Amino acid sequence: TVRIWDSSTGSLVHTLEGHTYTVSSVKWSPDGKQIVSGSYDNTIRVWDALNFTFVRKFDDIHTVMSVGWSPDGQQIVSGGYDKVIRIWDALTNMPELTLES
């Protein structure tokens, strides 16, 4: 579960449900229109930040520990428990590059 809070009042704005295990990382897109979340359930989820709806899911191979956006918002990066960094096309859900340690 991802919870969106109003930083000025401290009140809960919205809850994004869909992950089936602990959410490890959440980031806003550079344009503020989307949110990406990564989870121990081996998925990355993209959410519409304007109406708080689910947009798409990326299936990773291992536990997702961290997620982020490229500066232009065209790619999503994930780091996993498997010590692998993956760069994904944000629109097609396809991995573009895998970097292993």
C-alpha atoms as a PDB file:
ATOM      1  CA  THR A   1       0.000   0.000   0.000  1.00  0.00           C
ATOM      2  CA  VAL A   2       1.183   3.507  -0.850  1.00  0.00           C
ATOM      3  CA  ARG A   3      -0.250   6.367   1.177  1.00  0.00           C
ATOM      4  CA  ILE A   4      -0.271   9.977  -0.039  1.00  0.00           C
ATOM      5  CA  TRP A   5      -0.205  12.552   2.768  1.00  0.00           C
ATOM      6  CA  ASP A   6      -0.803  16.303   2.730  1.00  0.00           C
ATOM      7  CA  SER A   7       2.481  17.722   4.036  1.00  0.00           C
ATOM      8  CA  SER A   8       0.884  20.912   5.358  1.00  0.00           C
ATOM      9  CA  THR A   9      -1.956  19.293   7.342  1.00  0.00           C
ATOM     10  CA  GLY A  10      -0.599  15.792   7.919  1.00  0.00           C
ATOM     11  CA  SER A  11      -3.864  14.275   6.708  1.00  0.00           C
ATOM     12  CA  LEU A  12      -4.172  11.269   4.479  1.00  0.00           C
ATOM     13  CA  VAL A  13      -5.061  12.282   0.913  1.00  0.00           C
ATOM     14  CA  HIS A  14      -5.310   8.905  -0.785  1.00  0.00           C
ATOM     15  CA  THR A  15      -4.298   5.252  -0.544  1.00  0.00           C
ATOM     16  CA  LEU A  16      -2.948   3.367  -3.570  1.00  0.00           C
ATOM     17  CA  GLU A  17      -3.605  -0.349  -3.229  1.00  0.00           C
ATOM     18  CA  GLY A  18      -2.235  -3.109  -5.425  1.00  0.00           C
ATOM     19  CA  HIS A  19       1.093  -4.326  -4.082  1.00  0.00           C
ATOM     20  CA  THR A  20       0.813  -7.637  -2.249  1.00  0.00           C
ATOM     21  CA  TYR A  21       3.858  -7.179   0.011  1.00  0.00           C
ATOM     22  CA  THR A  22       5.957  -4.417   1.574  1.00  0.00           C
ATOM     23  CA  VAL A  23       6.485  -1.288  -0.562  1.00  0.00           C
ATOM     24  CA  SER A  24      10.185  -0.409  -0.466  1.00  0.00           C
ATOM     25  CA  SER A  25      10.420   2.731  -2.621  1.00  0.00           C
ATOM     26  CA  VAL A  26       8.175   5.475  -4.024  1.00  0.00           C
ATOM     27  CA  LYS A  27       9.063   8.375  -6.362  1.00  0.00           C
ATOM     28  CA  TRP A  28       7.157  11.130  -8.193  1.00  0.00           C
ATOM     29  CA  SER A  29       7.814  11.505 -11.923  1.00  0.00           C
ATOM     30  CA  PRO A  30       9.746  14.620 -13.001  1.00  0.00           C
ATOM     31  CA  ASP A  31       6.549  16.241 -14.332  1.00  0.00           C
ATOM     32  CA  GLY A  32       4.579  15.338 -11.181  1.00  0.00           C
ATOM     33  CA  LYS A  33       1.909  13.482 -13.128  1.00  0.00           C
ATOM     34  CA  GLN A  34       2.829   9.929 -12.122  1.00  0.00           C
ATOM     35  CA  ILE A  35       4.117   7.997  -9.143  1.00  0.00           C
ATOM     36  CA  VAL A  36       6.246   4.848  -9.321  1.00  0.00           C
ATOM     37  CA  SER A  37       6.452   2.323  -6.490  1.00  0.00           C
ATOM     38  CA  GLY A  38       8.600  -0.756  -6.005  1.00  0.00           C
ATOM     39  CA  SER A  39       7.811  -3.659  -3.714  1.00  0.00           C
ATOM     40  CA  TYR A  40       9.027  -6.861  -2.136  1.00  0.00           C
ATOM     41  CA  ASP A  41       6.287  -8.524  -4.222  1.00  0.00           C
ATOM     42  CA  ASN A  42       8.692  -8.306  -7.228  1.00  0.00           C
ATOM     43  CA  THR A  43       6.660  -5.637  -9.009  1.00  0.00           C
ATOM     44  CA  ILE A  44       6.960  -2.011 -10.012  1.00  0.00           C
ATOM     45  CA  ARG A  45       3.701  -0.104 -10.311  1.00  0.00           C
ATOM     46  CA  VAL A  46       2.974   3.224 -11.959  1.00  0.00           C
ATOM     47  CA  TRP A  47       0.103   5.358 -10.693  1.00  0.00           C
ATOM     48  CA  ASP A  48      -1.614   8.468 -12.050  1.00  0.00           C
ATOM     49  CA  ALA A  49      -0.763  11.166  -9.488  1.00  0.00           C
ATOM     50  CA  LEU A  50      -3.622  13.432 -10.515  1.00  0.00           C
ATOM     51  CA  ASN A  51      -6.530  11.035  -9.955  1.00  0.00           C
ATOM     52  CA  PHE A  52      -4.706   8.317  -7.959  1.00  0.00           C
ATOM     53  CA  THR A  53      -5.441   5.413 -10.289  1.00  0.00           C
ATOM     54  CA  PHE A  54      -3.346   2.429 -11.305  1.00  0.00           C
ATOM     55  CA  VAL A  55      -1.656   2.821 -14.721  1.00  0.00           C
ATOM     56  CA  ARG A  56       0.621  -0.170 -15.307  1.00  0.00           C
ATOM     57  CA  LYS A  57       2.683  -2.917 -13.680  1.00  0.00           C
ATOM     58  CA  PHE A  58       6.213  -4.106 -14.399  1.00  0.00           C
ATOM     59  CA  ASP A  59       7.114  -7.642 -13.307  1.00  0.00           C
ATOM     60  CA  ASP A  60      10.652  -7.856 -11.962  1.00  0.00           C
ATOM     61  CA  ILE A  61      12.492 -11.087 -11.231  1.00  0.00           C
ATOM     62  CA  HIS A  62      13.423 -10.321  -7.615  1.00  0.00           C
ATOM     63  CA  THR A  63      12.489  -8.084  -4.719  1.00  0.00           C
ATOM     64  CA  VAL A  64      12.511  -4.421  -5.788  1.00  0.00           C
ATOM     65  CA  MET A  65      14.460  -2.328  -3.279  1.00  0.00           C
ATOM     66  CA  SER A  66      14.550   1.046  -5.040  1.00  0.00           C
ATOM     67  CA  VAL A  67      12.916   2.847  -7.982  1.00  0.00           C
ATOM     68  CA  GLY A  68      13.420   6.147  -9.758  1.00  0.00           C
ATOM     69  CA  TRP A  69      12.698   8.106 -12.932  1.00  0.00           C
ATOM     70  CA  SER A  70      15.022   9.368 -15.638  1.00  0.00           C
ATOM     71  CA  PRO A  71      15.113  13.186 -15.822  1.00  0.00           C
ATOM     72  CA  ASP A  72      12.903  13.154 -18.938  1.00  0.00           C
ATOM     73  CA  GLY A  73      10.409  10.674 -17.438  1.00  0.00           C
ATOM     74  CA  GLN A  74      10.854   8.207 -20.315  1.00  0.00           C
ATOM     75  CA  GLN A  75      12.565   5.500 -18.248  1.00  0.00           C
ATOM     76  CA  ILE A  76      12.231   3.931 -14.838  1.00  0.00           C
ATOM     77  CA  VAL A  77      15.203   2.490 -12.993  1.00  0.00           C
ATOM     78  CA  SER A  78      14.961  -0.264 -10.397  1.00  0.00           C
ATOM     79  CA  GLY A  79      17.442  -1.841  -8.053  1.00  0.00           C
ATOM     80  CA  GLY A  80      16.769  -5.226  -6.583  1.00  0.00           C
ATOM     81  CA  TYR A  81      17.743  -7.657  -3.896  1.00  0.00           C
ATOM     82  CA  ASP A  82      19.522  -9.610  -6.647  1.00  0.00           C
ATOM     83  CA  LYS A  83      22.082  -6.745  -6.923  1.00  0.00           C
ATOM     84  CA  VAL A  84      20.891  -5.943 -10.454  1.00  0.00           C
ATOM     85  CA  ILE A  85      19.930  -2.513 -11.774  1.00  0.00           C
ATOM     86  CA  ARG A  86      17.308  -2.530 -14.502  1.00  0.00           C
ATOM     87  CA  ILE A  87      16.326   0.343 -16.768  1.00  0.00           C
ATOM     88  CA  TRP A  88      12.789   0.067 -18.132  1.00  0.00           C
ATOM     89  CA  ASP A  89      10.939   1.896 -20.881  1.00  0.00           C
ATOM     90  CA  ALA A  90       8.259   3.738 -18.890  1.00  0.00           C
ATOM     91  CA  LEU A  91       5.602   3.307 -21.594  1.00  0.00           C
ATOM     92  CA  THR A  92       6.149  -0.237 -22.874  1.00  0.00           C
ATOM     93  CA  ASN A  93       7.177  -1.921 -19.581  1.00  0.00           C
ATOM     94  CA  MET A  94      10.111  -3.484 -21.451  1.00  0.00           C
ATOM     95  CA  PRO A  95      13.568  -3.680 -19.864  1.00  0.00           C
ATOM     96  CA  GLU A  96      16.092  -1.680 -21.906  1.00  0.00           C
ATOM     97  CA  LEU A  97      19.259  -2.388 -19.947  1.00  0.00           C
ATOM     98  CA  THR A  98      20.387  -4.713 -17.159  1.00  0.00           C
ATOM     99  CA  LEU A  99      23.478  -3.941 -15.091  1.00  0.00           C
ATOM    100  CA  GLU A 100      24.791  -6.707 -12.849  1.00  0.00           C
ATOM    101  CA  SER A 101      27.302  -6.215 -10.042  1.00  0.00           C
END
